Amino acid sequence: MSAASIRLYVPGPLAAGAELALSEAQSHYLANVMRAGPGDTLRVFDGASGEWRASVAKVSRKAVVLTLTAQTRPQAPEPDAWLCFALLKRAKTDLVVEKATELGAAVIQPVITARTNADHVNLDRLRAIAIEAAEQCERLAVPEIRPPVALPKLIAHWPARPLFVADERRTSALLGPAAEPSALLIGPEGGFTEAELEAIARTPQVSRVSLGARILRAETAAIAGLALLLAAQP
């Protein structure tokens, strides 16, 4: 990989001529792993200012300093789709965060249910996974990673936003693309309890949906469901 193909998520705002000192980890990656030197170019983005071409201005033991030269892509509107999923074990949660970022989720909300396999996450690590995925997939924004919330609290404070709930019994209509802000809720590997399903059903914005003819693992359901929800989005 050449320096020109590198994309980094950096603090903003970004503007032509601005100088930017990279973090210690980014500086190490650029200078010691990629062997970038003064004059080499790369691309940076901050989630709000679009994507910019940057030139390496200085390399030192403490930090790499970039100079922003020109905007390569303006910031564009993104789909407003949320993914809410029952928290999984570490590797599977990591996978869901990575793929949800690639697919374009705006918010990723882990949920704790009666049959959830875990009850906490390292938010800094999940955000780092999301940032790396956004860097690699050419996305201009990084999704918001929210702290885990118990299902009753999520439902009790649900906003005026359509919420599609995956029906593991596959008796509902197939989930289709959403043209408006919406959210998808995926249950745990053991499924929702009857009490949870009753509470979900009492929420006015809820629609039960099918993800197809197969019984999917929880992590597969989250990825496939989000892909269906965002199928019509640019």
C-alpha atoms as a PDB file:
ATOM      1  CA  MET A   1       0.000   0.000   0.000  1.00  0.00           C
ATOM      2  CA  SER A   2       1.396   3.412  -0.950  1.00  0.00           C
ATOM      3  CA  ALA A   3       0.890   6.513   1.163  1.00  0.00           C
ATOM      4  CA  ALA A   4      -1.397   7.918  -1.547  1.00  0.00           C
ATOM      5  CA  SER A   5      -3.923   5.116  -0.883  1.00  0.00           C
ATOM      6  CA  ILE A   6      -4.082   5.751   2.886  1.00  0.00           C
ATOM      7  CA  ARG A   7      -7.159   7.369   4.446  1.00  0.00           C
ATOM      8  CA  LEU A   8      -7.136   8.524   8.064  1.00  0.00           C
ATOM      9  CA  TYR A   9      -9.905   9.781  10.320  1.00  0.00           C
ATOM     10  CA  VAL A  10      -8.690  12.961  12.034  1.00  0.00           C
ATOM     11  CA  PRO A  11     -10.122  15.722  14.255  1.00  0.00           C
ATOM     12  CA  GLY A  12     -11.732  18.602  12.357  1.00  0.00           C
ATOM     13  CA  PRO A  13     -12.664  21.030  11.104  1.00  0.00           C
ATOM     14  CA  LEU A  14     -10.569  20.663   7.968  1.00  0.00           C
ATOM     15  CA  ALA A  15      -9.641  23.483   5.589  1.00  0.00           C
ATOM     16  CA  ALA A  16      -7.108  24.182   2.867  1.00  0.00           C
ATOM     17  CA  GLY A  17      -3.701  25.176   4.239  1.00  0.00           C
ATOM     18  CA  ALA A  18      -4.385  23.914   7.750  1.00  0.00           C
ATOM     19  CA  GLU A  19      -1.661  21.975   9.561  1.00  0.00           C
ATOM     20  CA  LEU A  20      -2.568  18.867  11.483  1.00  0.00           C
ATOM     21  CA  ALA A  21      -0.453  16.890  13.956  1.00  0.00           C
ATOM     22  CA  LEU A  22      -1.436  13.232  13.900  1.00  0.00           C
ATOM     23  CA  SER A  23      -1.914  11.134  17.017  1.00  0.00           C
ATOM     24  CA  GLU A  24       0.951   9.014  18.295  1.00  0.00           C
ATOM     25  CA  ALA A  25      -0.585   5.825  16.887  1.00  0.00           C
ATOM     26  CA  GLN A  26      -1.289   7.375  13.476  1.00  0.00           C
ATOM     27  CA  SER A  27       2.183   8.922  13.368  1.00  0.00           C
ATOM     28  CA  HIS A  28       3.787   5.547  14.132  1.00  0.00           C
ATOM     29  CA  TYR A  29       1.694   3.858  11.450  1.00  0.00           C
ATOM     30  CA  LEU A  30       2.465   6.450   8.801  1.00  0.00           C
ATOM     31  CA  ALA A  31       6.182   6.950   9.529  1.00  0.00           C
ATOM     32  CA  ASN A  32       7.314   3.521  10.738  1.00  0.00           C
ATOM     33  CA  VAL A  33       4.907   1.074   9.114  1.00  0.00           C
ATOM     34  CA  MET A  34       4.210   2.840   5.811  1.00  0.00           C
ATOM     35  CA  ARG A  35       7.598   4.634   5.709  1.00  0.00           C
ATOM     36  CA  ALA A  36       5.973   7.879   4.586  1.00  0.00           C
ATOM     37  CA  GLY A  37       8.201  10.921   4.370  1.00  0.00           C
ATOM     38  CA  PRO A  38       7.936  14.654   3.662  1.00  0.00           C
ATOM     39  CA  GLY A  39       6.058  15.339   0.444  1.00  0.00           C
ATOM     40  CA  ASP A  40       4.090  12.069   0.438  1.00  0.00           C
ATOM     41  CA  THR A  41       0.335  12.488   0.119  1.00  0.00           C
ATOM     42  CA  LEU A  42      -2.656  10.768   1.685  1.00  0.00           C
ATOM     43  CA  ARG A  43      -6.338  11.487   2.327  1.00  0.00           C
ATOM     44  CA  VAL A  44      -8.019  12.494   5.589  1.00  0.00           C
ATOM     45  CA  PHE A  45     -11.595  13.022   6.756  1.00  0.00           C
ATOM     46  CA  ASP A  46     -13.323  14.110   9.966  1.00  0.00           C
ATOM     47  CA  GLY A  47     -16.940  13.085   9.414  1.00  0.00           C
ATOM     48  CA  ALA A  48     -18.121  16.632   8.740  1.00  0.00           C
ATOM     49  CA  SER A  49     -15.718  18.480   6.407  1.00  0.00           C
ATOM     50  CA  GLY A  50     -15.551  16.009   3.540  1.00  0.00           C
ATOM     51  CA  GLU A  51     -12.385  14.270   2.410  1.00  0.00           C
ATOM     52  CA  TRP A  52      -9.116  16.159   1.928  1.00  0.00           C
ATOM     53  CA  ARG A  53      -5.762  15.516   0.316  1.00  0.00           C
ATOM     54  CA  ALA A  54      -2.914  16.086   2.726  1.00  0.00           C
ATOM     55  CA  SER A  55       0.835  16.273   2.314  1.00  0.00           C
ATOM     56  CA  VAL A  56       3.331  15.092   4.906  1.00  0.00           C
ATOM     57  CA  ALA A  57       5.030  18.289   6.068  1.00  0.00           C
ATOM     58  CA  LYS A  58       7.212  16.973   8.894  1.00  0.00           C
ATOM     59  CA  VAL A  59       8.167  13.642  10.412  1.00  0.00           C
ATOM     60  CA  SER A  60       9.643  13.539  13.907  1.00  0.00           C
ATOM     61  CA  ARG A  61       9.891  11.103  16.788  1.00  0.00           C
ATOM     62  CA  LYS A  62       6.868  12.724  18.426  1.00  0.00           C
ATOM     63  CA  ALA A  63       4.420  13.326  15.590  1.00  0.00           C
ATOM     64  CA  VAL A  64       3.804  13.476  11.875  1.00  0.00           C
ATOM     65  CA  VAL A  65       2.499  16.857  10.743  1.00  0.00           C
ATOM     66  CA  LEU A  66       0.266  17.125   7.672  1.00  0.00           C
ATOM     67  CA  THR A  67      -0.673  20.119   5.549  1.00  0.00           C
ATOM     68  CA  LEU A  68      -4.118  20.013   3.950  1.00  0.00           C
ATOM     69  CA  THR A  69      -3.968  20.916   0.266  1.00  0.00           C
ATOM     70  CA  ALA A  70      -7.352  20.383  -1.429  1.00  0.00           C
ATOM     71  CA  GLN A  71     -10.741  18.824  -0.837  1.00  0.00           C
ATOM     72  CA  THR A  72     -11.196  15.604  -2.802  1.00  0.00           C
ATOM     73  CA  ARG A  73     -14.853  14.978  -1.876  1.00  0.00           C
ATOM     74  CA  PRO A  74     -17.416  17.228  -0.208  1.00  0.00           C
ATOM     75  CA  GLN A  75     -19.384  15.938   2.757  1.00  0.00           C
ATOM     76  CA  ALA A  76     -22.586  14.286   1.533  1.00  0.00           C
ATOM     77  CA  PRO A  77     -25.783  13.304   3.380  1.00  0.00           C
ATOM     78  CA  GLU A  78     -25.802   9.721   4.642  1.00  0.00           C
ATOM     79  CA  PRO A  79     -28.683   7.338   5.396  1.00  0.00           C
ATOM     80  CA  ASP A  80     -30.179   7.803   8.859  1.00  0.00           C
ATOM     81  CA  ALA A  81     -30.432   4.143   9.802  1.00  0.00           C
ATOM     82  CA  TRP A  82     -29.823   2.794  13.298  1.00  0.00           C
ATOM     83  CA  LEU A  83     -28.816  -0.748  14.143  1.00  0.00           C
ATOM     84  CA  CYS A  84     -29.908  -1.984  17.572  1.00  0.00           C
ATOM     85  CA  PHE A  85     -28.709  -5.503  18.357  1.00  0.00           C
ATOM     86  CA  ALA A  86     -28.591  -7.739  21.399  1.00  0.00           C
ATOM     87  CA  LEU A  87     -25.022  -7.674  22.610  1.00  0.00           C
ATOM     88  CA  LEU A  88     -22.943 -10.651  21.475  1.00  0.00           C
ATOM     89  CA  LYS A  89     -19.642 -12.114  22.558  1.00  0.00           C
ATOM     90  CA  ARG A  90     -16.618  -9.966  21.781  1.00  0.00           C
ATOM     91  CA  ALA A  91     -15.595 -11.302  18.361  1.00  0.00           C
ATOM     92  CA  LYS A  92     -19.144 -11.301  17.032  1.00  0.00           C
ATOM     93  CA  THR A  93     -19.852  -7.814  18.372  1.00  0.00           C
ATOM     94  CA  ASP A  94     -16.658  -6.606  16.693  1.00  0.00           C
ATOM     95  CA  LEU A  95     -17.814  -8.137  13.411  1.00  0.00           C
ATOM     96  CA  VAL A  96     -21.245  -6.492  13.611  1.00  0.00           C
ATOM     97  CA  VAL A  97     -19.727  -3.068  14.322  1.00  0.00           C
ATOM     98  CA  GLU A  98     -17.269  -3.407  11.446  1.00  0.00           C
ATOM     99  CA  LYS A  99     -19.873  -4.496   8.883  1.00  0.00           C
ATOM    100  CA  ALA A 100     -22.549  -2.067  10.088  1.00  0.00           C
ATOM    101  CA  THR A 101     -20.040   0.732   9.545  1.00  0.00           C
ATOM    102  CA  GLU A 102     -19.266  -0.504   6.041  1.00  0.00           C
ATOM    103  CA  LEU A 103     -22.982  -0.739   5.202  1.00  0.00           C
ATOM    104  CA  GLY A 104     -23.692   2.809   6.379  1.00  0.00           C
ATOM    105  CA  ALA A 105     -25.337   2.655   9.815  1.00  0.00           C
ATOM    106  CA  ALA A 106     -25.571   6.085  11.448  1.00  0.00           C
ATOM    107  CA  VAL A 107     -25.977   4.742  14.998  1.00  0.00           C
ATOM    108  CA  ILE A 108     -24.965   1.383  16.463  1.00  0.00           C
ATOM    109  CA  GLN A 109     -26.802   0.603  19.701  1.00  0.00           C
ATOM    110  CA  PRO A 110     -25.933  -2.569  21.668  1.00  0.00           C
ATOM    111  CA  VAL A 111     -28.892  -3.859  23.683  1.00  0.00           C
ATOM    112  CA  ILE A 112     -29.061  -6.037  26.784  1.00  0.00           C
ATOM    113  CA  THR A 113     -31.930  -8.544  26.803  1.00  0.00           C
ATOM    114  CA  ALA A 114     -32.909 -11.418  29.067  1.00  0.00           C
ATOM    115  CA  ARG A 115     -30.919 -13.859  26.907  1.00  0.00           C
ATOM    116  CA  THR A 116     -27.989 -11.631  25.997  1.00  0.00           C
ATOM    117  CA  ASN A 117     -24.580 -13.330  26.081  1.00  0.00           C
ATOM    118  CA  ALA A 118     -22.693 -10.292  27.442  1.00  0.00           C
ATOM    119  CA  ASP A 119     -23.437  -7.192  29.488  1.00  0.00           C
ATOM    120  CA  HIS A 120     -20.603  -4.753  28.747  1.00  0.00           C
ATOM    121  CA  VAL A 121     -18.331  -3.566  25.951  1.00  0.00           C
ATOM    122  CA  ASN A 122     -15.166  -1.546  25.500  1.00  0.00           C
ATOM    123  CA  LEU A 123     -16.599   1.477  23.698  1.00  0.00           C
ATOM    124  CA  ASP A 124     -13.163   2.859  22.818  1.00  0.00           C
ATOM    125  CA  ARG A 125     -12.261  -0.402  21.101  1.00  0.00           C
ATOM    126  CA  LEU A 126     -15.563  -0.538  19.207  1.00  0.00           C
ATOM    127  CA  ARG A 127     -15.108   3.052  18.073  1.00  0.00           C
ATOM    128  CA  ALA A 128     -11.600   2.208  16.878  1.00  0.00           C
ATOM    129  CA  ILE A 129     -13.052  -0.691  14.869  1.00  0.00           C
ATOM    130  CA  ALA A 130     -15.659   1.615  13.342  1.00  0.00           C
ATOM    131  CA  ILE A 131     -13.028   4.236  12.461  1.00  0.00           C
ATOM    132  CA  GLU A 132     -10.794   1.664  10.774  1.00  0.00           C
ATOM    133  CA  ALA A 133     -13.757   0.295   8.800  1.00  0.00           C
ATOM    134  CA  ALA A 134     -14.758   3.806   7.667  1.00  0.00           C
ATOM    135  CA  GLU A 135     -11.178   4.543   6.626  1.00  0.00           C
ATOM    136  CA  GLN A 136     -10.967   1.398   4.534  1.00  0.00           C
ATOM    137  CA  CYS A 137     -14.411   1.482   2.883  1.00  0.00           C
ATOM    138  CA  GLU A 138     -14.156   5.116   1.690  1.00  0.00           C
ATOM    139  CA  ARG A 139     -16.948   6.251   3.985  1.00  0.00           C
ATOM    140  CA  LEU A 140     -16.993   9.951   4.941  1.00  0.00           C
ATOM    141  CA  ALA A 141     -18.536   9.479   8.394  1.00  0.00           C
ATOM    142  CA  VAL A 142     -18.082   7.237  11.420  1.00  0.00           C
ATOM    143  CA  PRO A 143     -21.212   5.890  13.123  1.00  0.00           C
ATOM    144  CA  GLU A 144     -22.070   6.809  16.690  1.00  0.00           C
ATOM    145  CA  ILE A 145     -21.401   3.860  19.002  1.00  0.00           C
ATOM    146  CA  ARG A 146     -23.729   4.096  21.993  1.00  0.00           C
ATOM    147  CA  PRO A 147     -23.286   2.416  25.373  1.00  0.00           C
ATOM    148  CA  PRO A 148     -25.313  -0.775  25.907  1.00  0.00           C
ATOM    149  CA  VAL A 149     -28.855  -0.190  27.133  1.00  0.00           C
ATOM    150  CA  ALA A 150     -31.381  -2.595  28.635  1.00  0.00           C
ATOM    151  CA  LEU A 151     -34.221  -3.469  26.270  1.00  0.00           C
ATOM    152  CA  PRO A 152     -36.995  -2.149  28.587  1.00  0.00           C
ATOM    153  CA  LYS A 153     -35.248   1.244  28.772  1.00  0.00           C
ATOM    154  CA  LEU A 154     -34.679   1.330  25.006  1.00  0.00           C
ATOM    155  CA  ILE A 155     -38.360   0.641  24.341  1.00  0.00           C
ATOM    156  CA  ALA A 156     -39.623   3.001  27.049  1.00  0.00           C
ATOM    157  CA  HIS A 157     -37.681   5.931  25.600  1.00  0.00           C
ATOM    158  CA  TRP A 158     -37.957   5.058  21.919  1.00  0.00           C
ATOM    159  CA  PRO A 159     -38.244   8.201  19.721  1.00  0.00           C
ATOM    160  CA  ALA A 160     -40.717   8.840  16.920  1.00  0.00           C
ATOM    161  CA  ARG A 161     -38.798   6.660  14.478  1.00  0.00           C
ATOM    162  CA  PRO A 162     -39.960   3.458  12.741  1.00  0.00           C
ATOM    163  CA  LEU A 163     -38.463   0.400  14.427  1.00  0.00           C
ATOM    164  CA  PHE A 164     -38.303  -2.845  12.476  1.00  0.00           C
ATOM    165  CA  VAL A 165     -37.920  -5.907  14.681  1.00  0.00           C
ATOM    166  CA  ALA A 166     -36.566  -9.102  13.149  1.00  0.00           C
ATOM    167  CA  ASP A 167     -39.094 -11.929  13.508  1.00  0.00           C
ATOM    168  CA  GLU A 168     -37.208 -15.148  14.167  1.00  0.00           C
ATOM    169  CA  ARG A 169     -40.414 -17.071  13.452  1.00  0.00           C
ATOM    170  CA  ARG A 170     -40.302 -15.744   9.862  1.00  0.00           C
ATOM    171  CA  THR A 171     -44.060 -15.170   9.730  1.00  0.00           C
ATOM    172  CA  SER A 172     -43.881 -11.456   8.876  1.00  0.00           C
ATOM    173  CA  ALA A 173     -43.358  -9.665   5.587  1.00  0.00           C
ATOM    174  CA  LEU A 174     -39.815  -9.424   4.253  1.00  0.00           C
ATOM    175  CA  LEU A 175     -37.936  -6.309   5.338  1.00  0.00           C
ATOM    176  CA  GLY A 176     -37.552  -3.863   2.475  1.00  0.00           C
ATOM    177  CA  PRO A 177     -35.538  -0.688   1.878  1.00  0.00           C
ATOM    178  CA  ALA A 178     -36.506   2.293   4.027  1.00  0.00           C
ATOM    179  CA  ALA A 179     -36.661   5.750   2.459  1.00  0.00           C
ATOM    180  CA  GLU A 180     -36.996   7.535   5.813  1.00  0.00           C
ATOM    181  CA  PRO A 181     -35.055   7.552   9.086  1.00  0.00           C
ATOM    182  CA  SER A 182     -35.571   4.153  10.688  1.00  0.00           C
ATOM    183  CA  ALA A 183     -34.021   1.490  12.902  1.00  0.00           C
ATOM    184  CA  LEU A 184     -33.623  -2.271  13.006  1.00  0.00           C
ATOM    185  CA  LEU A 185     -33.679  -4.350  16.194  1.00  0.00           C
ATOM    186  CA  ILE A 186     -32.049  -7.791  16.226  1.00  0.00           C
ATOM    187  CA  GLY A 187     -32.622 -10.099  19.166  1.00  0.00           C
ATOM    188  CA  PRO A 188     -30.182 -12.416  20.982  1.00  0.00           C
ATOM    189  CA  GLU A 189     -29.129 -15.860  19.833  1.00  0.00           C
ATOM    190  CA  GLY A 190     -31.819 -17.437  22.013  1.00  0.00           C
ATOM    191  CA  GLY A 191     -34.517 -15.059  20.779  1.00  0.00           C
ATOM    192  CA  PHE A 192     -36.624 -12.578  22.699  1.00  0.00           C
ATOM    193  CA  THR A 193     -38.684 -13.824  25.643  1.00  0.00           C
ATOM    194  CA  GLU A 194     -42.471 -13.675  25.410  1.00  0.00           C
ATOM    195  CA  ALA A 195     -42.507 -10.791  27.895  1.00  0.00           C
ATOM    196  CA  GLU A 196     -40.017  -8.886  25.748  1.00  0.00           C
ATOM    197  CA  LEU A 197     -42.036  -9.518  22.605  1.00  0.00           C
ATOM    198  CA  GLU A 198     -45.166  -8.246  24.329  1.00  0.00           C
ATOM    199  CA  ALA A 199     -43.374  -5.078  25.445  1.00  0.00           C
ATOM    200  CA  ILE A 200     -41.984  -4.531  21.942  1.00  0.00           C
ATOM    201  CA  ALA A 201     -45.428  -5.027  20.421  1.00  0.00           C
ATOM    202  CA  ARG A 202     -46.860  -2.272  22.642  1.00  0.00           C
ATOM    203  CA  THR A 203     -44.470   0.271  21.124  1.00  0.00           C
ATOM    204  CA  PRO A 204     -46.425   2.266  18.478  1.00  0.00           C
ATOM    205  CA  GLN A 205     -43.526   2.622  16.012  1.00  0.00           C
ATOM    206  CA  VAL A 206     -42.747  -1.114  15.849  1.00  0.00           C
ATOM    207  CA  SER A 207     -43.207  -3.366  12.813  1.00  0.00           C
ATOM    208  CA  ARG A 208     -42.281  -7.055  12.852  1.00  0.00           C
ATOM    209  CA  VAL A 209     -40.333  -8.090   9.745  1.00  0.00           C
ATOM    210  CA  SER A 210     -38.758 -11.207   8.263  1.00  0.00           C
ATOM    211  CA  LEU A 211     -35.160 -11.397   7.055  1.00  0.00           C
ATOM    212  CA  GLY A 212     -35.852 -14.269   4.671  1.00  0.00           C
ATOM    213  CA  ALA A 213     -36.487 -17.994   4.581  1.00  0.00           C
ATOM    214  CA  ARG A 214     -33.471 -19.070   6.645  1.00  0.00           C
ATOM    215  CA  ILE A 215     -32.859 -19.070  10.378  1.00  0.00           C
ATOM    216  CA  LEU A 216     -29.876 -16.754  10.772  1.00  0.00           C
ATOM    217  CA  ARG A 217     -27.298 -16.477  13.520  1.00  0.00           C
ATOM    218  CA  ALA A 218     -27.617 -13.206  15.416  1.00  0.00           C
ATOM    219  CA  GLU A 219     -24.540 -11.591  13.844  1.00  0.00           C
ATOM    220  CA  THR A 220     -25.639 -12.661  10.353  1.00  0.00           C
ATOM    221  CA  ALA A 221     -29.146 -11.317  10.976  1.00  0.00           C
ATOM    222  CA  ALA A 222     -27.751  -7.920  12.003  1.00  0.00           C
ATOM    223  CA  ILE A 223     -25.623  -7.620   8.870  1.00  0.00           C
ATOM    224  CA  ALA A 224     -28.202  -9.028   6.447  1.00  0.00           C
ATOM    225  CA  GLY A 225     -31.028  -7.000   7.969  1.00  0.00           C
ATOM    226  CA  LEU A 226     -29.103  -3.742   7.745  1.00  0.00           C
ATOM    227  CA  ALA A 227     -28.222  -4.526   4.116  1.00  0.00           C
ATOM    228  CA  LEU A 228     -31.924  -4.996   3.326  1.00  0.00           C
ATOM    229  CA  LEU A 229     -32.846  -1.784   5.138  1.00  0.00           C
ATOM    230  CA  LEU A 230     -30.250   0.257   3.249  1.00  0.00           C
ATOM    231  CA  ALA A 231     -30.586  -1.440  -0.151  1.00  0.00           C
ATOM    232  CA  ALA A 232     -32.092   1.635  -1.821  1.00  0.00           C
ATOM    233  CA  GLN A 233     -29.727   4.156  -0.262  1.00  0.00           C
ATOM    234  CA  PRO A 234     -26.905   5.765  -2.295  1.00  0.00           C
END
